[in-house]
Every structure is written in structure tokens, then in C-alpha cells.
Amino acid sequence: SIPGHVEFSGRNFQVKPVLDIDGDVDFSTGNIKFVGDVNIKGDVISGFAVNAMGNVYVGGVVEAGGTVEAGGDLTVAKGILGDGSTVIRAARCIFAKYIENATIYVRENLQTDCIVNGQIYCDGEIQVCSGRGSIMGGRVWAAKKISASIVGSRSERRTSIALGGLPCTSFEREQVRRELKELEIEHERLECQLDSPVKSSLLGKVRMRLSTTELRLQQLEEDLNRIKESMGNKEEEGRLECGVAYAGTEIHIGEEMVRLHREERQCVAKMVCGEIIVM
């Protein structure tokens, strides 16, 4: 009558809508896929995945190579320590102590103390004001607003800030494009092989995946164009507010881009009359 996981108490069976993991997500648990909320007291170990339709709470860290996808909010108490391949998704909000070397995809808002070399796509607002409050390196893209204490670094490390637009939908499109390119390479490789039953079978599967992926890409392109038309000038709305923005920081709004050549304090950046103004 309800979604959940089954537990036997010794006398009867119970279906619980929350899955509690007392330790880490590792070889003892395997990958987690659950229809409700997931509460993890430990870490998500490298190479393991958590996929939940509800909220996900991680009491420790998400290690390099770990993957987490939440249908609701995601909270990571001790932060996300990626290696460039770590991908985190949330259909609502993300709260994490810090984010390092990870790709983050969040449909609503993101709140953290520090972002280092992150690839962030956020359809709402990004707040990096507590703790160190710094964004350093990588690319951070928010549809509405980015607030931080520090953006960039004294060493002029390249830090890209993007505002407005459709971050999550654009991210999905780029993912599908990469997948399509890999399938085209695989198709070309198979075509060069000698004819055999194995080749025919593999070619049929790759052609089917190519056709499906092309349709997905076409649908995403149509959705993007339709949303952009309905948004009009709202696509270029967005605002950056920070205490310090160091030289080397790039600010993108729509098709416009400005690169800071000197340190800016109490910095506010926004689009005014088709031009990015930094105050």
C-alpha cells in the first residue's frame, strides 16, 4: 500500500518509507536505489552510487567517484570531495559543507561554505557566504543569483561565473551531445571490422542507441528554444554579489562576458542595457 523497504522485526514485517544506513555506502551495502528517503550516517565510498526518489542525507562525505541522485533535497554534512568524475544531482536543493572537483546539478538552490574547481549548474540561487564563503576555480552557473564572500583567488586563478539562462537544461543537452559523439565513434569503429554475426549484433544495438539519443537531443533542443522564447529578456537576468572578486574572474551573462583585471570589493555584477556592469 506504500513504497518503502521491508524489515522483519522477529514477529512481523514492516514497510518503512525511510531507508537508514547505519554506516557507509560500500561493499557491505552495495549501490542504493530506493523509492523514498535515504538516511546515511557514514560516507558514500568511492565507486558507489545512491539513487533515491526522496530526500538524501549523508552524515559524512561523498568521496571521489561517488554518485548521488536525489529526487528531493540532498544534504551532505561533511562535504563533497570529488576527482572530476563525481556527479551529484538533486531535483530540489543541495546543502553541503564544501564542494571540490565535482559536477553539481541542482534544480532549485545550492548552499555551501566553499566551492573549489566545481562545475555547478543551478536553476535557482547559489549561496556561498558561511564559513570561508569562497568560490575558487571551475565554472559556477546560476539562473538567478550568486552570493559569496570571495570569488577567485589572489593568484588570478581562472574562475568562471555565469548568470541567467537555463543551466540544468543546457547541462542535460551537453551530456546527450557527448553521449552521441561517443556512440558515433563506436559505430565508425564497428563499421571498419570484418563482417561477422557478432559485428551485426553490436551494430544493430549501437544504431538503436544512436537513433534514441538523436531523438533525445532533438527534443532537448526544441524544449530549450521554446523555453527561451517564453522567457524573452528574462534569460539574461542574474546577479552576482560578493565581498571580494579577484582579478582573473570571468563573468558571463547571456552572450556577454567581462574579465576582471583588478580586485573589486563589495562587488555587484548585473546586466544593464545589454552590457555587464560591475559595481
Protein backbone atom coordinates (compact mmCIF):
# COMPACT_ATOMS: atom_id res chain seq x y z
CA SER A 1 0.00 0.00 0.00
CA ILE A 2 3.04 2.32 0.39
CA PRO A 3 6.52 2.43 -1.21
CA GLY A 4 9.44 1.60 1.07
CA HIS A 5 11.74 -1.19 2.22
CA VAL A 6 10.71 -4.32 4.09
CA GLU A 7 12.03 -5.13 7.57
CA PHE A 8 11.27 -8.21 9.68
CA SER A 9 11.14 -7.46 13.41
CA GLY A 10 11.01 -11.11 14.51
CA ARG A 11 7.23 -11.17 14.75
CA ASN A 12 6.00 -9.25 11.75
CA PHE A 13 7.01 -7.44 8.58
CA GLN A 14 7.09 -3.66 8.33
CA VAL A 15 7.37 -1.40 5.30
CA LYS A 16 9.36 1.76 6.12
CA PRO A 17 9.35 4.82 3.85
CA VAL A 18 12.85 5.82 5.05
CA LEU A 19 15.94 3.69 4.43
CA ASP A 20 18.51 4.05 7.24
CA ILE A 21 22.14 3.09 6.58
CA ASP A 22 24.00 2.92 9.92
CA GLY A 23 27.47 3.10 8.37
CA ASP A 24 28.98 3.78 4.95
CA VAL A 25 27.63 3.00 1.50
CA ASP A 26 30.32 0.49 0.50
CA PHE A 27 30.72 -3.20 -0.35
CA SER A 28 28.63 -4.14 2.68
CA THR A 29 25.56 -2.35 1.28
CA GLY A 30 26.23 -2.15 -2.46
CA ASN A 31 24.69 0.63 -4.52
CA ILE A 32 21.50 2.09 -3.07
CA LYS A 33 18.36 2.56 -5.16
CA PHE A 34 15.26 3.48 -3.17
CA VAL A 35 11.81 4.97 -3.79
CA GLY A 36 11.68 7.05 -0.57
CA ASP A 37 14.11 8.98 1.65
CA VAL A 38 17.62 7.68 2.42
CA ASN A 39 19.48 8.50 5.64
CA ILE A 40 23.19 7.57 5.58
CA LYS A 41 25.15 8.02 8.83
CA GLY A 42 28.55 7.48 7.23
CA ASP A 43 30.18 8.21 3.85
CA VAL A 44 29.40 7.37 0.24
CA ILE A 45 32.59 5.50 -0.66
CA SER A 46 34.36 5.96 -4.00
CA GLY A 47 32.75 3.98 -6.82
CA PHE A 48 29.33 3.59 -5.16
CA ALA A 49 26.03 5.21 -6.13
CA VAL A 50 22.96 6.36 -4.22
CA ASN A 51 19.75 6.97 -6.13
CA ALA A 52 16.61 7.96 -4.21
CA MET A 53 13.26 9.40 -5.26
CA GLY A 54 13.01 11.31 -1.97
CA ASN A 55 15.46 13.28 0.17
CA VAL A 56 19.02 12.05 0.82
CA TYR A 57 21.05 12.80 3.96
CA VAL A 58 24.75 11.88 4.13
CA GLY A 59 26.31 12.31 7.58
CA GLY A 60 29.87 12.04 6.26
CA VAL A 61 31.39 12.84 2.86
CA VAL A 62 30.76 11.83 -0.73
CA GLU A 63 34.15 10.52 -1.84
CA ALA A 64 35.82 10.84 -5.25
CA GLY A 65 33.98 8.74 -7.81
CA GLY A 66 30.82 8.52 -5.71
CA THR A 67 27.47 9.36 -7.29
CA VAL A 68 24.35 10.66 -5.57
CA GLU A 69 21.00 11.46 -7.15
CA ALA A 70 18.09 12.75 -5.05
CA GLY A 71 14.51 13.31 -6.14
CA GLY A 72 14.16 15.84 -3.30
CA ASP A 73 16.75 17.68 -1.18
CA LEU A 74 20.33 16.48 -0.69
CA THR A 75 22.30 17.24 2.49
CA VAL A 76 25.98 16.27 2.81
CA ALA A 77 27.13 17.16 6.34
CA LYS A 78 30.88 16.92 5.75
CA GLY A 79 31.12 17.86 2.09
CA ILE A 80 31.72 16.52 -1.41
CA LEU A 81 35.31 15.57 -2.28
CA GLY A 82 35.35 14.68 -5.96
CA ASP A 83 38.02 13.79 -8.51
CA GLY A 84 36.46 15.37 -11.60
CA SER A 85 34.25 12.35 -12.31
CA THR A 86 31.94 12.81 -9.31
CA VAL A 87 28.39 13.77 -10.34
CA ILE A 88 25.73 14.93 -7.87
CA ARG A 89 22.11 15.63 -8.84
CA ALA A 90 19.14 16.95 -6.86
CA ALA A 91 15.64 17.76 -8.07
CA ARG A 92 15.30 20.33 -5.28
CA CYS A 93 18.03 21.88 -3.07
CA ILE A 94 21.57 20.88 -2.07
CA PHE A 95 23.24 21.70 1.26
CA ALA A 96 26.92 20.68 1.58
CA LYS A 97 29.79 21.73 3.85
CA TYR A 98 32.09 22.11 0.84
CA ILE A 99 32.29 21.09 -2.82
CA GLU A 100 35.57 20.17 -4.51
CA ASN A 101 36.24 18.79 -8.03
CA ALA A 102 32.63 17.71 -8.58
CA THR A 103 29.85 18.32 -11.09
CA ILE A 104 26.68 19.50 -9.37
CA TYR A 105 23.24 19.63 -10.99
CA VAL A 106 20.53 21.22 -8.82
CA ARG A 107 17.04 22.29 -9.88
CA GLU A 108 16.46 24.77 -7.04
CA ASN A 109 19.03 26.34 -4.67
CA LEU A 110 22.55 25.44 -3.54
CA GLN A 111 24.12 26.37 -0.20
CA THR A 112 27.72 25.59 0.78
CA ASP A 113 30.74 27.07 2.59
CA CYS A 114 33.24 26.65 -0.24
CA ILE A 115 33.43 25.67 -3.93
CA VAL A 116 36.82 24.63 -5.39
CA ASN A 117 37.12 23.60 -9.06
CA GLY A 118 33.41 22.81 -9.25
CA GLN A 119 31.22 22.53 -12.33
CA ILE A 120 27.94 23.85 -10.92
CA TYR A 121 24.59 24.08 -12.75
CA CYS A 122 21.81 25.63 -10.66
CA ASP A 123 18.32 26.74 -11.77
CA GLY A 124 17.90 28.88 -8.63
CA GLU A 125 20.31 30.73 -6.33
CA ILE A 126 23.78 29.80 -5.07
CA GLN A 127 24.83 30.96 -1.60
CA VAL A 128 28.49 30.63 -0.55
CA CYS A 129 28.50 33.06 2.37
CA SER A 130 29.04 30.97 5.51
CA GLY A 131 32.45 29.66 6.61
CA ARG A 132 35.17 30.58 4.11
CA GLY A 133 32.50 31.63 1.63
CA SER A 134 34.82 31.26 -1.37
CA ILE A 135 34.39 30.22 -5.00
CA MET A 136 37.77 29.34 -6.50
CA GLY A 137 38.38 27.83 -9.93
CA GLY A 138 35.94 25.95 -12.16
CA ARG A 139 32.62 27.20 -13.51
CA VAL A 140 29.60 28.20 -11.44
CA TRP A 141 26.36 28.86 -13.33
CA ALA A 142 23.16 30.03 -11.61
CA ALA A 143 19.94 31.14 -13.27
CA LYS A 144 19.07 33.76 -10.65
CA LYS A 145 21.77 34.86 -8.22
CA ILE A 146 25.19 34.00 -6.82
CA SER A 147 26.20 35.32 -3.38
CA ALA A 148 29.71 34.74 -2.00
CA SER A 149 32.27 36.30 0.29
CA ILE A 150 35.18 35.69 -2.11
CA VAL A 151 35.26 34.89 -5.84
CA GLY A 152 38.55 33.89 -7.50
CA SER A 153 41.99 33.99 -5.84
CA ARG A 154 44.96 36.28 -5.35
CA SER A 155 46.94 34.17 -7.83
CA GLU A 156 44.34 35.15 -10.51
CA ARG A 157 43.22 31.56 -10.93
CA ARG A 158 40.61 31.44 -13.66
CA THR A 159 37.14 31.33 -12.13
CA SER A 160 34.08 31.49 -14.39
CA ILE A 161 30.76 32.86 -13.11
CA ALA A 162 27.70 32.51 -15.36
CA LEU A 163 24.31 34.07 -14.67
CA GLY A 164 20.84 33.73 -16.16
CA GLY A 165 19.75 31.28 -18.83
CA LEU A 166 18.86 27.62 -18.34
CA PRO A 167 21.79 25.91 -16.57
CA CYS A 168 20.28 22.46 -15.93
CA THR A 169 18.65 22.04 -19.34
CA SER A 170 21.87 23.19 -21.03
CA PHE A 171 23.81 20.67 -18.91
CA GLU A 172 21.48 17.85 -20.00
CA ARG A 173 21.95 18.85 -23.65
CA GLU A 174 25.76 18.78 -23.34
CA GLN A 175 25.60 15.35 -21.66
CA VAL A 176 23.49 13.97 -24.53
CA ARG A 177 25.82 15.54 -27.11
CA ARG A 178 28.82 13.82 -25.51
CA GLU A 179 26.95 10.51 -25.43
CA LEU A 180 26.02 10.92 -29.12
CA LYS A 181 29.63 11.61 -30.09
CA GLU A 182 30.84 8.50 -28.24
CA LEU A 183 28.20 6.37 -30.00
CA GLU A 184 29.20 7.77 -33.40
CA ILE A 185 32.84 6.84 -32.70
CA GLU A 186 31.77 3.34 -31.62
CA HIS A 187 29.62 2.98 -34.76
CA GLU A 188 32.52 4.00 -37.00
CA ARG A 189 34.84 1.54 -35.24
CA LEU A 190 32.41 -1.34 -35.75
CA GLU A 191 31.90 -0.47 -39.42
CA CYS A 192 35.65 -0.97 -40.01
CA GLN A 193 35.61 -4.52 -38.61
CA LEU A 194 35.24 -7.68 -40.71
CA ASP A 195 31.70 -8.92 -41.22
CA SER A 196 30.53 -11.45 -38.64
CA PRO A 197 27.41 -12.32 -36.63
CA VAL A 198 28.91 -10.54 -33.60
CA LYS A 199 29.51 -7.36 -35.65
CA SER A 200 25.93 -7.40 -36.98
CA SER A 201 24.53 -7.80 -33.47
CA LEU A 202 26.66 -4.99 -31.99
CA LEU A 203 25.93 -2.67 -34.95
CA GLY A 204 22.21 -3.19 -34.51
CA LYS A 205 22.41 -2.26 -30.82
CA VAL A 206 24.59 0.82 -31.47
CA ARG A 207 22.30 2.02 -34.29
CA MET A 208 19.30 1.69 -31.99
CA ARG A 209 21.06 3.71 -29.26
CA LEU A 210 22.17 6.30 -31.84
CA SER A 211 18.60 6.75 -33.04
CA THR A 212 17.27 7.07 -29.46
CA THR A 213 19.99 9.55 -28.45
CA GLU A 214 19.43 11.70 -31.56
CA LEU A 215 15.72 11.89 -30.71
CA ARG A 216 16.55 12.89 -27.11
CA LEU A 217 18.89 15.62 -28.34
CA GLN A 218 16.31 16.91 -30.81
CA GLN A 219 13.67 17.03 -28.05
CA LEU A 220 16.03 18.90 -25.70
CA GLU A 221 16.89 21.43 -28.43
CA GLU A 222 13.20 22.04 -29.09
CA ASP A 223 12.48 22.40 -25.36
CA LEU A 224 15.37 24.85 -24.94
CA ASN A 225 14.24 27.01 -27.85
CA ARG A 226 10.64 27.02 -26.62
CA ILE A 227 11.63 27.96 -23.05
CA LYS A 228 14.00 30.68 -24.29
CA GLU A 229 11.24 32.22 -26.41
CA SER A 230 8.82 32.21 -23.47
CA MET A 231 11.47 33.74 -21.17
CA GLY A 232 12.38 36.61 -23.51
CA ASN A 233 14.73 39.04 -21.76
CA LYS A 234 14.49 37.08 -18.52
CA GLU A 235 17.15 34.77 -19.95
CA GLU A 236 19.72 37.48 -19.26
CA GLU A 237 18.56 38.12 -15.71
CA GLY A 238 21.02 37.23 -12.99
CA ARG A 239 23.14 38.90 -10.36
CA LEU A 240 26.48 38.35 -8.65
CA GLU A 241 27.08 39.75 -5.16
CA CYS A 242 30.41 39.20 -3.37
CA GLY A 243 32.69 40.84 -0.81
CA VAL A 244 35.81 40.43 -2.95
CA ALA A 245 36.19 39.47 -6.62
CA TYR A 246 39.84 38.91 -7.62
CA ALA A 247 41.41 39.60 -11.00
CA GLY A 248 41.06 36.64 -13.35
CA THR A 249 37.36 36.19 -12.59
CA GLU A 250 35.18 35.89 -15.69
CA ILE A 251 31.52 36.93 -15.56
CA HIS A 252 29.13 35.67 -18.26
CA ILE A 253 25.54 36.83 -18.75
CA GLY A 254 23.87 35.64 -21.95
CA GLU A 255 26.32 36.16 -24.82
CA GLU A 256 28.24 38.87 -22.96
CA MET A 257 31.43 38.30 -20.96
CA VAL A 258 33.69 40.52 -18.89
CA ARG A 259 37.03 39.57 -17.29
CA LEU A 260 38.17 41.38 -14.18
CA HIS A 261 41.68 42.84 -14.42
CA ARG A 262 41.83 44.19 -10.88
CA GLU A 263 40.46 43.33 -7.47
CA GLU A 264 36.89 44.51 -6.85
CA ARG A 265 35.48 44.95 -3.34
CA GLN A 266 31.78 44.83 -2.41
CA CYS A 267 31.27 43.76 -6.00
CA VAL A 268 27.86 43.62 -7.71
CA ALA A 269 27.60 42.46 -11.34
CA LYS A 270 24.44 42.50 -13.46
CA MET A 271 23.21 43.17 -16.98
CA VAL A 272 22.20 46.77 -17.76
CA CYS A 273 21.07 47.78 -21.28
CA GLY A 274 22.76 44.76 -22.88
CA GLU A 275 26.08 45.29 -21.09
CA ILE A 276 27.57 43.69 -17.97
CA ILE A 277 28.10 46.33 -15.30
CA VAL A 278 30.44 45.61 -12.36
CA MET A 279 29.97 47.99 -9.44
